[in-house]
Amino acid sequence: MGKPWEAWYTPNMADAAVLVADDEAPVRATLVKFLKSLGVTDVLEASNGVEAVERVKGAPSLKLILLDLKMPVQDGLKTLEAIRAINPKVEIVILTGYPFYGEADQVAQKHGVLDFTVKPVDLDYLERIITTALTKSSLPPKTP
């Protein structure tokens, strides 16, 4: 018996909308450039948690969010909770420069975060995470 079709399904990156929420402009620029190199054409940006929540409200087709934990105005954990209230199905990957950020692991698990990775991000690893996230969000619902 072969692999289930999910194992070989490749998402169409051009159909994906991705939000990069990070207060550091160089980090955002690098991530946007990287996403575009993967074929993602609809990339949104936010420089703080409040902006990120507003972007989520205005983008119901959003498939993935790359979310920094430590941001001004509203931190990533409060932003995560607000995003989940708006869009409980969007895939979220937490990026942080602070590997031991209090109870972040527990909050991330509670809110169904796909992955939690430390900056600087390994781009090969990030590509695998993005592919996984966009594959999950593109698959049809499972039938019983």
Protein backbone atom coordinates (compact mmCIF):
# COMPACT_ATOMS: atom_id res chain seq x y z
CA MET A 1 0.00 0.00 0.00
CA GLY A 2 1.33 3.46 -0.95
CA LYS A 3 1.48 6.62 1.06
CA PRO A 4 -1.76 8.50 1.68
CA TRP A 5 -2.24 11.27 -0.84
CA GLU A 6 -1.52 13.88 1.87
CA ALA A 7 2.09 12.62 1.97
CA TRP A 8 2.79 13.64 -1.63
CA TYR A 9 0.43 16.61 -1.98
CA THR A 10 2.25 19.87 -2.73
CA PRO A 11 0.34 23.08 -2.05
CA ASN A 12 0.04 25.81 -4.65
CA MET A 13 2.03 28.56 -2.95
CA ALA A 14 0.56 31.22 -5.25
CA ASP A 15 -2.89 30.51 -3.76
CA ALA A 16 -1.71 31.07 -0.20
CA ALA A 17 -2.05 34.27 1.80
CA VAL A 18 0.61 34.59 4.51
CA LEU A 19 1.03 37.19 7.26
CA VAL A 20 4.47 38.06 8.63
CA ALA A 21 4.10 39.74 12.03
CA ASP A 22 7.42 40.94 13.44
CA ASP A 23 8.51 44.30 14.84
CA GLU A 24 11.96 44.11 13.24
CA ALA A 25 11.81 45.48 9.69
CA PRO A 26 14.90 43.54 8.48
CA VAL A 27 13.39 40.27 9.74
CA ARG A 28 10.08 41.04 8.00
CA ALA A 29 11.90 41.94 4.78
CA THR A 30 13.91 38.70 4.85
CA LEU A 31 10.81 36.59 5.51
CA VAL A 32 8.78 38.36 2.80
CA LYS A 33 11.58 37.85 0.28
CA PHE A 34 11.89 34.19 1.31
CA LEU A 35 8.13 33.58 0.99
CA LYS A 36 8.10 35.19 -2.45
CA SER A 37 11.03 32.98 -3.49
CA LEU A 38 8.85 30.00 -2.58
CA GLY A 39 6.09 31.31 -4.86
CA VAL A 40 3.84 32.92 -2.25
CA THR A 41 2.41 36.02 -3.93
CA ASP A 42 0.02 37.30 -1.25
CA VAL A 43 2.23 38.33 1.68
CA LEU A 44 0.91 40.71 4.33
CA GLU A 45 3.03 42.45 6.96
CA ALA A 46 2.47 43.74 10.49
CA SER A 47 4.99 45.44 12.78
CA ASN A 48 3.10 44.87 16.04
CA GLY A 49 0.38 42.72 17.54
CA VAL A 50 -2.47 45.18 17.02
CA GLU A 51 -1.60 45.53 13.32
CA ALA A 52 -1.44 41.73 13.03
CA VAL A 53 -4.95 41.35 14.45
CA GLU A 54 -6.25 44.01 12.04
CA ARG A 55 -4.63 42.20 9.09
CA VAL A 56 -6.28 38.94 10.16
CA LYS A 57 -9.68 40.66 10.37
CA GLY A 58 -9.21 41.95 6.82
CA ALA A 59 -7.95 38.69 5.32
CA PRO A 60 -10.39 35.81 5.87
CA SER A 61 -8.51 33.67 3.30
CA LEU A 62 -5.27 33.84 5.31
CA LYS A 63 -3.58 30.41 5.43
CA LEU A 64 -0.49 31.01 7.58
CA ILE A 65 0.89 33.49 10.10
CA LEU A 66 4.56 33.79 11.05
CA LEU A 67 4.25 35.46 14.46
CA ASP A 68 6.97 37.02 16.59
CA LEU A 69 6.41 36.74 20.34
CA LYS A 70 8.03 39.92 21.56
CA MET A 71 6.49 42.93 19.82
CA PRO A 72 5.50 46.43 20.86
CA VAL A 73 1.91 47.60 21.48
CA GLN A 74 0.65 44.03 22.00
CA ASP A 75 2.88 41.00 22.53
CA GLY A 76 2.69 37.82 20.49
CA LEU A 77 0.84 35.76 23.11
CA LYS A 78 -2.03 38.26 23.42
CA THR A 79 -1.99 38.58 19.63
CA LEU A 80 -2.20 34.80 19.31
CA GLU A 81 -5.26 34.69 21.56
CA ALA A 82 -6.94 37.50 19.61
CA ILE A 83 -6.17 35.84 16.27
CA ARG A 84 -7.62 32.53 17.44
CA ALA A 85 -10.85 34.32 18.41
CA ILE A 86 -11.10 35.66 14.83
CA ASN A 87 -9.76 32.72 12.82
CA PRO A 88 -9.40 29.45 14.75
CA LYS A 89 -8.22 27.50 11.69
CA VAL A 90 -5.33 29.61 10.37
CA GLU A 91 -1.95 27.90 10.78
CA ILE A 92 0.44 29.78 13.07
CA VAL A 93 4.20 29.44 13.46
CA ILE A 94 5.77 31.32 16.34
CA LEU A 95 9.18 32.86 15.71
CA THR A 96 11.12 34.21 18.65
CA GLY A 97 14.54 35.47 19.59
CA TYR A 98 13.82 34.38 23.17
CA PRO A 99 13.84 30.56 23.40
CA PHE A 100 12.70 30.51 27.03
CA TYR A 101 9.85 33.01 26.93
CA GLY A 102 7.94 32.12 30.11
CA GLU A 103 4.88 29.99 29.45
CA ALA A 104 4.98 30.45 25.69
CA ASP A 105 5.13 26.70 25.00
CA GLN A 106 1.96 26.04 27.00
CA VAL A 107 0.08 28.94 25.45
CA ALA A 108 1.22 27.88 21.98
CA GLN A 109 -0.02 24.33 22.56
CA LYS A 110 -3.30 25.57 24.02
CA HIS A 111 -3.94 27.63 20.87
CA GLY A 112 -2.91 24.96 18.37
CA VAL A 113 0.28 26.53 17.08
CA LEU A 114 1.86 24.43 14.33
CA ASP A 115 5.46 25.12 15.33
CA PHE A 116 7.63 27.22 17.61
CA THR A 117 11.10 28.14 16.37
CA VAL A 118 13.95 30.38 17.51
CA LYS A 119 15.43 33.22 15.45
CA PRO A 120 17.61 33.39 13.52
CA VAL A 121 15.47 30.91 11.63
CA ASP A 122 16.97 28.09 9.60
CA LEU A 123 15.36 28.78 6.21
CA ASP A 124 15.45 25.13 5.13
CA TYR A 125 13.55 24.20 8.27
CA LEU A 126 11.17 27.12 7.79
CA GLU A 127 10.46 26.00 4.22
CA ARG A 128 9.41 22.57 5.53
CA ILE A 129 7.17 24.19 8.15
CA ILE A 130 5.58 26.49 5.54
CA THR A 131 4.98 23.58 3.16
CA THR A 132 3.41 21.56 5.99
CA ALA A 133 1.21 24.48 7.05
CA LEU A 134 0.01 25.27 3.55
CA THR A 135 -0.58 21.60 2.79
CA LYS A 136 -2.69 21.22 5.95
CA SER A 137 -4.72 24.31 5.14
CA SER A 138 -5.29 23.20 1.53
CA LEU A 139 -6.46 19.66 2.14
CA PRO A 140 -10.16 18.93 1.95
CA PRO A 141 -11.80 18.03 5.26
CA LYS A 142 -11.53 14.38 6.22
CA THR A 143 -14.68 12.37 5.82
CA PRO A 144 -15.64 9.67 8.32
